[in-house]
C-alpha atoms as a PDB file:
ATOM      1  CA  MET A   1      11.435 126.961  74.351  1.00  0.00           C
ATOM      2  CA  ARG A   2       9.713 130.341  74.344  1.00  0.00           C
ATOM      3  CA  ILE A   3       8.964 132.211  71.187  1.00  0.00           C
ATOM      4  CA  VAL A   4       8.648 135.879  71.782  1.00  0.00           C
ATOM      5  CA  ALA A   5       7.984 137.051  68.250  1.00  0.00           C
ATOM      6  CA  ASP A   6       5.822 135.792  65.527  1.00  0.00           C
ATOM      7  CA  LEU A   7       7.501 136.458  62.150  1.00  0.00           C
ATOM      8  CA  HIS A   8       5.380 135.043  59.614  1.00  0.00           C
ATOM      9  CA  THR A   9       1.458 136.177  59.690  1.00  0.00           C
ATOM     10  CA  HIS A  10      -0.974 137.357  57.319  1.00  0.00           C
ATOM     11  CA  SER A  11      -3.801 139.885  57.185  1.00  0.00           C
ATOM     12  CA  VAL A  12      -6.713 140.287  54.951  1.00  0.00           C
ATOM     13  CA  ALA A  13      -4.623 142.122  52.312  1.00  0.00           C
ATOM     14  CA  SER A  14      -3.147 138.573  51.559  1.00  0.00           C
ATOM     15  CA  GLY A  15      -6.602 137.875  50.024  1.00  0.00           C
ATOM     16  CA  HIS A  16      -7.159 134.496  51.688  1.00  0.00           C
ATOM     17  CA  ALA A  17      -6.542 135.393  55.338  1.00  0.00           C
ATOM     18  CA  TYR A  18      -9.463 136.953  57.616  1.00  0.00           C
ATOM     19  CA  ASN A  19      -8.197 139.658  60.019  1.00  0.00           C
ATOM     20  CA  THR A  20      -6.941 143.024  59.948  1.00  0.00           C
ATOM     21  CA  ILE A  21      -3.400 144.099  60.952  1.00  0.00           C
ATOM     22  CA  ASP A  22      -4.764 145.682  64.027  1.00  0.00           C
ATOM     23  CA  GLU A  23      -6.630 142.413  64.822  1.00  0.00           C
ATOM     24  CA  MET A  24      -3.501 140.367  64.243  1.00  0.00           C
ATOM     25  CA  ALA A  25      -1.338 142.715  66.357  1.00  0.00           C
ATOM     26  CA  ARG A  26      -3.842 142.471  69.465  1.00  0.00           C
ATOM     27  CA  ALA A  27      -3.827 138.619  69.083  1.00  0.00           C
ATOM     28  CA  ALA A  28      -0.022 138.783  69.398  1.00  0.00           C
ATOM     29  CA  ARG A  29      -0.399 140.799  72.539  1.00  0.00           C
ATOM     30  CA  ASP A  30      -2.925 138.226  73.962  1.00  0.00           C
ATOM     31  CA  ALA A  31      -0.603 135.536  73.200  1.00  0.00           C
ATOM     32  CA  GLY A  32       1.959 137.079  75.239  1.00  0.00           C
ATOM     33  CA  LEU A  33       4.307 138.145  72.099  1.00  0.00           C
ATOM     34  CA  GLU A  34       6.577 141.197  72.047  1.00  0.00           C
ATOM     35  CA  LEU A  35       6.706 141.398  68.231  1.00  0.00           C
ATOM     36  CA  ILE A  36       4.848 140.438  65.060  1.00  0.00           C
ATOM     37  CA  ALA A  37       5.747 140.648  61.603  1.00  0.00           C
ATOM     38  CA  ILE A  38       2.984 141.057  59.086  1.00  0.00           C
ATOM     39  CA  THR A  39       4.153 139.325  55.943  1.00  0.00           C
ATOM     40  CA  ASP A  40       1.678 139.450  53.512  1.00  0.00           C
ATOM     41  CA  HIS A  41       1.914 137.563  50.266  1.00  0.00           C
ATOM     42  CA  GLY A  42       3.447 139.340  47.169  1.00  0.00           C
ATOM     43  CA  PRO A  43       1.337 140.337  44.686  1.00  0.00           C
ATOM     44  CA  ASN A  44       1.327 137.297  42.295  1.00  0.00           C
ATOM     45  CA  ILE A  45      -0.447 135.404  44.620  1.00  0.00           C
ATOM     46  CA  PRO A  46      -4.158 135.107  43.543  1.00  0.00           C
ATOM     47  CA  GLY A  47      -6.283 137.682  45.226  1.00  0.00           C
ATOM     48  CA  GLY A  48      -3.225 139.403  46.687  1.00  0.00           C
ATOM     49  CA  PRO A  49      -2.423 142.898  47.362  1.00  0.00           C
ATOM     50  CA  HIS A  50      -1.317 145.503  44.753  1.00  0.00           C
ATOM     51  CA  LEU A  51       2.355 146.749  44.816  1.00  0.00           C
ATOM     52  CA  TYR A  52       1.110 150.112  46.132  1.00  0.00           C
ATOM     53  CA  TYR A  53       0.275 148.084  49.532  1.00  0.00           C
ATOM     54  CA  PHE A  54       3.703 147.474  50.303  1.00  0.00           C
ATOM     55  CA  GLY A  55       4.797 150.903  49.443  1.00  0.00           C
ATOM     56  CA  ASN A  56       2.168 152.456  51.748  1.00  0.00           C
ATOM     57  CA  LEU A  57       3.046 150.248  54.711  1.00  0.00           C
ATOM     58  CA  ARG A  58       4.965 153.230  56.178  1.00  0.00           C
ATOM     59  CA  VAL A  59       1.432 154.254  57.625  1.00  0.00           C
ATOM     60  CA  ILE A  60       1.037 151.336  59.943  1.00  0.00           C
ATOM     61  CA  PRO A  61       2.232 152.313  63.422  1.00  0.00           C
ATOM     62  CA  ALA A  62       5.707 150.744  64.756  1.00  0.00           C
ATOM     63  CA  THR A  63       3.634 149.462  67.750  1.00  0.00           C
ATOM     64  CA  ILE A  64       0.080 148.426  68.136  1.00  0.00           C
ATOM     65  CA  ALA A  65      -1.413 147.219  71.339  1.00  0.00           C
ATOM     66  CA  GLY A  66       2.148 147.281  72.818  1.00  0.00           C
ATOM     67  CA  VAL A  67       3.503 144.989  70.312  1.00  0.00           C
ATOM     68  CA  GLU A  68       6.114 145.960  68.054  1.00  0.00           C
ATOM     69  CA  VAL A  69       4.945 145.520  64.382  1.00  0.00           C
ATOM     70  CA  LEU A  70       7.399 144.824  61.535  1.00  0.00           C
ATOM     71  CA  LYS A  71       6.278 145.476  58.208  1.00  0.00           C
ATOM     72  CA  GLY A  72       7.222 142.758  55.687  1.00  0.00           C
ATOM     73  CA  VAL A  73       6.151 140.458  52.778  1.00  0.00           C
ATOM     74  CA  GLU A  74       6.255 136.684  52.070  1.00  0.00           C
ATOM     75  CA  ALA A  75       7.323 137.103  48.331  1.00  0.00           C
ATOM     76  CA  ASN A  76       6.683 134.564  45.822  1.00  0.00           C
ATOM     77  CA  ILE A  77       9.820 132.927  44.321  1.00  0.00           C
ATOM     78  CA  ILE A  78       8.629 133.361  40.361  1.00  0.00           C
ATOM     79  CA  SER A  79      11.330 131.766  38.391  1.00  0.00           C
ATOM     80  CA  PRO A  80      13.997 129.092  38.314  1.00  0.00           C
ATOM     81  CA  ALA A  81      16.522 131.844  38.819  1.00  0.00           C
ATOM     82  CA  GLY A  82      14.873 132.704  42.068  1.00  0.00           C
ATOM     83  CA  ASP A  83      13.616 136.214  41.319  1.00  0.00           C
ATOM     84  CA  LEU A  84      10.814 137.497  43.193  1.00  0.00           C
ATOM     85  CA  ASP A  85       7.360 139.143  42.669  1.00  0.00           C
ATOM     86  CA  LEU A  86       8.381 142.258  44.387  1.00  0.00           C
ATOM     87  CA  PRO A  87      10.942 144.882  42.803  1.00  0.00           C
ATOM     88  CA  GLU A  88      14.281 145.776  44.821  1.00  0.00           C
ATOM     89  CA  ARG A  89      12.647 149.523  45.614  1.00  0.00           C
ATOM     90  CA  SER A  90      10.025 147.800  47.303  1.00  0.00           C
ATOM     91  CA  LEU A  91      11.812 145.054  49.133  1.00  0.00           C
ATOM     92  CA  LYS A  92      14.567 147.317  50.435  1.00  0.00           C
ATOM     93  CA  LYS A  93      11.882 149.450  52.289  1.00  0.00           C
ATOM     94  CA  LEU A  94      10.618 146.387  54.269  1.00  0.00           C
ATOM     95  CA  ASP A  95      11.540 145.289  57.643  1.00  0.00           C
ATOM     96  CA  PHE A  96      11.475 141.584  56.965  1.00  0.00           C
ATOM     97  CA  VAL A  97      11.415 139.628  53.758  1.00  0.00           C
ATOM     98  CA  LEU A  98      10.222 135.993  53.456  1.00  0.00           C
ATOM     99  CA  ALA A  99      10.688 134.323  50.088  1.00  0.00           C
ATOM    100  CA  GLY A 100       8.907 130.963  49.332  1.00  0.00           C
ATOM    101  CA  PHE A 101       7.319 128.851  46.536  1.00  0.00           C
ATOM    102  CA  HIS A 102       3.622 128.994  45.962  1.00  0.00           C
ATOM    103  CA  VAL A 103       1.741 127.297  43.009  1.00  0.00           C
ATOM    104  CA  GLY A 104       0.054 129.636  40.498  1.00  0.00           C
ATOM    105  CA  THR A 105       2.584 132.498  40.998  1.00  0.00           C
ATOM    106  CA  GLY A 106       4.961 132.165  38.269  1.00  0.00           C
ATOM    107  CA  TYR A 107       7.162 129.163  39.076  1.00  0.00           C
ATOM    108  CA  ASP A 108       5.345 126.013  39.572  1.00  0.00           C
ATOM    109  CA  GLY A 109       8.301 123.890  40.468  1.00  0.00           C
ATOM    110  CA  GLY A 110      10.566 121.554  38.671  1.00  0.00           C
ATOM    111  CA  SER A 111      13.204 118.838  39.639  1.00  0.00           C
ATOM    112  CA  VAL A 112      14.912 118.761  42.712  1.00  0.00           C
ATOM    113  CA  GLU A 113      18.101 120.492  41.125  1.00  0.00           C
ATOM    114  CA  GLU A 114      16.004 123.201  39.557  1.00  0.00           C
ATOM    115  CA  ASN A 115      13.948 124.023  42.933  1.00  0.00           C
ATOM    116  CA  THR A 116      17.148 123.948  44.739  1.00  0.00           C
ATOM    117  CA  ARG A 117      18.753 126.498  42.332  1.00  0.00           C
ATOM    118  CA  ALA A 118      15.565 128.547  42.528  1.00  0.00           C
ATOM    119  CA  MET A 119      15.560 128.650  46.298  1.00  0.00           C
ATOM    120  CA  ILE A 120      19.518 129.356  46.421  1.00  0.00           C
ATOM    121  CA  GLY A 121      18.811 132.199  43.970  1.00  0.00           C
ATOM    122  CA  ALA A 122      16.173 133.836  46.098  1.00  0.00           C
ATOM    123  CA  MET A 123      18.394 133.436  49.211  1.00  0.00           C
ATOM    124  CA  GLU A 124      21.086 135.299  47.277  1.00  0.00           C
ATOM    125  CA  ASN A 125      18.753 138.449  46.808  1.00  0.00           C
ATOM    126  CA  PRO A 126      20.302 140.891  49.343  1.00  0.00           C
ATOM    127  CA  HIS A 127      16.948 141.823  50.483  1.00  0.00           C
ATOM    128  CA  VAL A 128      15.813 138.211  51.418  1.00  0.00           C
ATOM    129  CA  ASP A 129      16.120 137.401  55.140  1.00  0.00           C
ATOM    130  CA  ALA A 130      14.543 133.959  55.293  1.00  0.00           C
ATOM    131  CA  ILE A 131      13.046 131.402  53.322  1.00  0.00           C
ATOM    132  CA  ALA A 132       9.382 130.397  54.221  1.00  0.00           C
ATOM    133  CA  HIS A 133       8.400 126.701  54.828  1.00  0.00           C
ATOM    134  CA  PRO A 134      11.266 125.418  52.704  1.00  0.00           C
ATOM    135  CA  GLY A 135      10.032 121.655  53.534  1.00  0.00           C
ATOM    136  CA  ASN A 136       7.085 122.037  51.237  1.00  0.00           C
ATOM    137  CA  PRO A 137       7.032 118.778  49.451  1.00  0.00           C
ATOM    138  CA  ALA A 138       5.505 120.151  46.310  1.00  0.00           C
ATOM    139  CA  PHE A 139       8.924 121.767  45.682  1.00  0.00           C
ATOM    140  CA  GLN A 140      11.391 119.171  46.698  1.00  0.00           C
ATOM    141  CA  VAL A 141      14.910 120.376  47.155  1.00  0.00           C
ATOM    142  CA  ASN A 142      18.337 119.197  48.078  1.00  0.00           C
ATOM    143  CA  ILE A 143      17.930 119.959  51.743  1.00  0.00           C
ATOM    144  CA  GLU A 144      21.959 119.497  52.592  1.00  0.00           C
ATOM    145  CA  GLU A 145      22.714 121.974  49.868  1.00  0.00           C
ATOM    146  CA  ILE A 146      19.959 124.490  50.862  1.00  0.00           C
ATOM    147  CA  VAL A 147      21.132 124.249  54.429  1.00  0.00           C
ATOM    148  CA  ARG A 148      24.759 124.804  53.542  1.00  0.00           C
ATOM    149  CA  ALA A 149      23.659 127.839  51.259  1.00  0.00           C
ATOM    150  CA  ALA A 150      21.740 129.400  54.283  1.00  0.00           C
ATOM    151  CA  LYS A 151      24.924 129.125  56.439  1.00  0.00           C
ATOM    152  CA  ARG A 152      27.164 130.720  53.845  1.00  0.00           C
ATOM    153  CA  LEU A 153      24.695 133.518  52.969  1.00  0.00           C
ATOM    154  CA  GLY A 154      23.642 134.082  56.707  1.00  0.00           C
ATOM    155  CA  LYS A 155      19.869 133.591  55.852  1.00  0.00           C
ATOM    156  CA  LEU A 156      17.165 132.092  57.889  1.00  0.00           C
ATOM    157  CA  LEU A 157      15.270 128.838  57.261  1.00  0.00           C
ATOM    158  CA  GLU A 158      11.928 128.606  58.550  1.00  0.00           C
ATOM    159  CA  ILE A 159      10.231 125.884  60.554  1.00  0.00           C
ATOM    160  CA  ASN A 160       6.790 126.533  59.748  1.00  0.00           C
ATOM    161  CA  ASN A 161       3.779 125.750  62.196  1.00  0.00           C
ATOM    162  CA  SER A 162       1.146 125.456  59.577  1.00  0.00           C
ATOM    163  CA  SER A 163       3.111 123.227  57.625  1.00  0.00           C
ATOM    164  CA  LEU A 164       2.750 120.534  60.559  1.00  0.00           C
ATOM    165  CA  THR A 165      -0.969 121.385  61.454  1.00  0.00           C
ATOM    166  CA  VAL A 166      -2.969 123.122  58.795  1.00  0.00           C
ATOM    167  CA  THR A 167      -1.681 122.767  55.183  1.00  0.00           C
ATOM    168  CA  ARG A 168       1.328 121.058  53.466  1.00  0.00           C
ATOM    169  CA  LEU A 169       0.849 118.272  56.173  1.00  0.00           C
ATOM    170  CA  ASP A 170       3.118 115.674  54.251  1.00  0.00           C
ATOM    171  CA  SER A 171       5.886 118.272  55.041  1.00  0.00           C
ATOM    172  CA  ARG A 172       6.930 116.853  58.457  1.00  0.00           C
ATOM    173  CA  ASP A 173       9.805 114.581  57.125  1.00  0.00           C
ATOM    174  CA  ASN A 174      11.199 117.495  55.173  1.00  0.00           C
ATOM    175  CA  CYS A 175      10.866 119.914  58.048  1.00  0.00           C
ATOM    176  CA  PHE A 176      12.608 117.655  60.334  1.00  0.00           C
ATOM    177  CA  GLN A 177      15.482 116.979  58.030  1.00  0.00           C
ATOM    178  CA  PHE A 178      15.639 120.779  57.662  1.00  0.00           C
ATOM    179  CA  ALA A 179      15.887 121.208  61.454  1.00  0.00           C
ATOM    180  CA  ARG A 180      18.240 118.425  61.875  1.00  0.00           C
ATOM    181  CA  LEU A 181      20.794 119.732  59.465  1.00  0.00           C
ATOM    182  CA  ALA A 182      20.381 123.198  60.675  1.00  0.00           C
ATOM    183  CA  ALA A 183      21.428 122.144  64.167  1.00  0.00           C
ATOM    184  CA  ALA A 184      24.317 120.047  62.661  1.00  0.00           C
ATOM    185  CA  HIS A 185      25.642 123.085  60.851  1.00  0.00           C
ATOM    186  CA  GLY A 186      24.933 125.773  63.240  1.00  0.00           C
ATOM    187  CA  VAL A 187      22.315 127.456  60.835  1.00  0.00           C
ATOM    188  CA  THR A 188      19.684 130.011  62.515  1.00  0.00           C
ATOM    189  CA  VAL A 189      16.129 129.139  62.026  1.00  0.00           C
ATOM    190  CA  VAL A 190      13.126 131.079  62.507  1.00  0.00           C
ATOM    191  CA  ILE A 191       9.655 129.397  63.845  1.00  0.00           C
ATOM    192  CA  GLY A 192       6.472 130.973  62.335  1.00  0.00           C
ATOM    193  CA  SER A 193       2.984 130.352  62.829  1.00  0.00           C
ATOM    194  CA  ASP A 194       2.043 131.225  59.166  1.00  0.00           C
ATOM    195  CA  ALA A 195      -1.064 132.499  60.765  1.00  0.00           C
ATOM    196  CA  HIS A 196      -4.079 133.464  58.566  1.00  0.00           C
ATOM    197  CA  HIS A 197      -6.337 134.113  61.351  1.00  0.00           C
ATOM    198  CA  ALA A 198      -5.808 135.888  64.465  1.00  0.00           C
ATOM    199  CA  SER A 199      -6.556 132.905  66.524  1.00  0.00           C
ATOM    200  CA  ARG A 200      -3.404 131.173  65.230  1.00  0.00           C
ATOM    201  CA  VAL A 201      -1.088 133.894  65.999  1.00  0.00           C
ATOM    202  CA  GLY A 202       1.760 132.810  68.058  1.00  0.00           C
ATOM    203  CA  VAL A 203       0.542 128.983  67.684  1.00  0.00           C
ATOM    204  CA  VAL A 204       3.905 127.223  67.095  1.00  0.00           C
ATOM    205  CA  ASP A 205       3.836 124.398  69.503  1.00  0.00           C
ATOM    206  CA  ALA A 206       4.443 121.650  66.758  1.00  0.00           C
ATOM    207  CA  ALA A 207       7.086 123.563  65.206  1.00  0.00           C
ATOM    208  CA  VAL A 208       8.863 124.014  68.617  1.00  0.00           C
ATOM    209  CA  GLU A 209       8.425 120.338  69.400  1.00  0.00           C
ATOM    210  CA  LEU A 210       9.884 119.424  66.015  1.00  0.00           C
ATOM    211  CA  ALA A 211      12.624 121.903  66.545  1.00  0.00           C
ATOM    212  CA  GLU A 212      13.623 120.618  69.961  1.00  0.00           C
ATOM    213  CA  ARG A 213      13.426 117.028  68.725  1.00  0.00           C
ATOM    214  CA  ALA A 214      15.835 117.649  65.688  1.00  0.00           C
ATOM    215  CA  GLY A 215      18.408 119.174  68.394  1.00  0.00           C
ATOM    216  CA  LEU A 216      18.081 122.931  67.605  1.00  0.00           C
ATOM    217  CA  THR A 217      18.810 125.061  70.906  1.00  0.00           C
ATOM    218  CA  GLU A 218      17.419 128.368  71.702  1.00  0.00           C
ATOM    219  CA  ASP A 219      20.618 129.949  70.499  1.00  0.00           C
ATOM    220  CA  LEU A 220      19.740 128.646  67.050  1.00  0.00           C
ATOM    221  CA  VAL A 221      16.149 129.895  66.648  1.00  0.00           C
ATOM    222  CA  LEU A 222      16.090 133.484  66.134  1.00  0.00           C
ATOM    223  CA  ASN A 223      12.846 134.436  67.744  1.00  0.00           C
ATOM    224  CA  THR A 224      13.443 133.120  71.402  1.00  0.00           C
ATOM    225  CA  SER A 225      15.010 136.325  72.228  1.00  0.00           C
ATOM    226  CA  LEU A 226      13.861 140.144  71.114  1.00  0.00           C
ATOM    227  CA  ARG A 227      17.468 141.074  71.408  1.00  0.00           C
ATOM    228  CA  ARG A 228      18.495 138.230  68.937  1.00  0.00           C
ATOM    229  CA  VAL A 229      15.894 139.475  66.593  1.00  0.00           C
ATOM    230  CA  THR A 230      17.034 143.021  66.995  1.00  0.00           C
ATOM    231  CA  ASP A 231      20.618 142.110  66.659  1.00  0.00           C
ATOM    232  CA  PHE A 232      19.830 140.037  63.329  1.00  0.00           C
ATOM    233  CA  LEU A 233      17.767 143.078  61.757  1.00  0.00           C
ATOM    234  CA  ARG A 234      20.780 145.321  62.687  1.00  0.00           C
ATOM    235  CA  SER A 235      23.239 142.793  60.816  1.00  0.00           C
ATOM    236  CA  ARG A 236      20.952 143.097  57.848  1.00  0.00           C
ATOM    237  CA  GLY A 237      20.696 147.019  58.020  1.00  0.00           C
ATOM    238  CA  LYS A 238      17.034 146.818  58.916  1.00  0.00           C
ATOM    239  CA  VAL A 239      16.698 147.831  62.515  1.00  0.00           C
ATOM    240  CA  ARG A 240      14.184 150.438  63.538  1.00  0.00           C
ATOM    241  CA  MET A 241      14.637 152.586  66.616  1.00  0.00           C
ATOM    242  CA  GLU A 242      11.807 151.259  68.219  1.00  0.00           C
ATOM    243  CA  LEU A 243      13.358 147.790  68.457  1.00  0.00           C
ATOM    244  CA  ASP A 244      16.992 149.018  69.124  1.00  0.00           C
ATOM    245  CA  LYS A 245      16.385 149.126  73.043  1.00  0.00           C
ATOM    246  CA  PRO A 246      17.835 146.940  75.770  1.00  0.00           C
ATOM    247  CA  GLU A 247      15.801 143.951  76.965  1.00  0.00           C
ATOM    248  CA  VAL A 248      14.500 144.056  80.521  1.00  0.00           C
END
């Protein structure tokens, strides 16, 4: 399984990542990727970017070093209802919106039922495209219920490579169950590096291995095809002209 786009990466704007957007795009080129999404953390993350940062992402070129660049966010789920730390006026201008749980950003977790409701509430936001690292054991959820909600709402679930190799290392069992149930229910996933340094862009080997072992085929992994990414964005009303071109 070959991944052609990394849809979860962070620049220095996140406050705890270490490379510029240009450096991340060049790393994507060097890794053989066709597309990268810059998904810096929402403003509630300690040391994270101001709201103005997301409003000004339009100044970033659509292509850097020959790689398509999506302007996105990894928004924080900040309440039991699934509210996010970016307002609608900001979210609707972004190319790709991840939402996820992070301690110290407004919602530090509750019971399995409460966390499940919060995650589904985030998925019900029309601007959210995917749930970031849903297997995080610090925020246990009802995995079957989340997978069914993703199917119903047409949202992506992420298999996060960093959760298997760098941080949240006790996520593996949950991640496997998410992948297994996604395969069983025909739910599309996205494989992301969650790179906070340029050397990690496109590094998704552990996530690919887990996805394949769980029975996920290429047609259920969004970013195995640039056309599949484009079609998804188009279905979400987010496709840009730069991406709306045939594969060769």
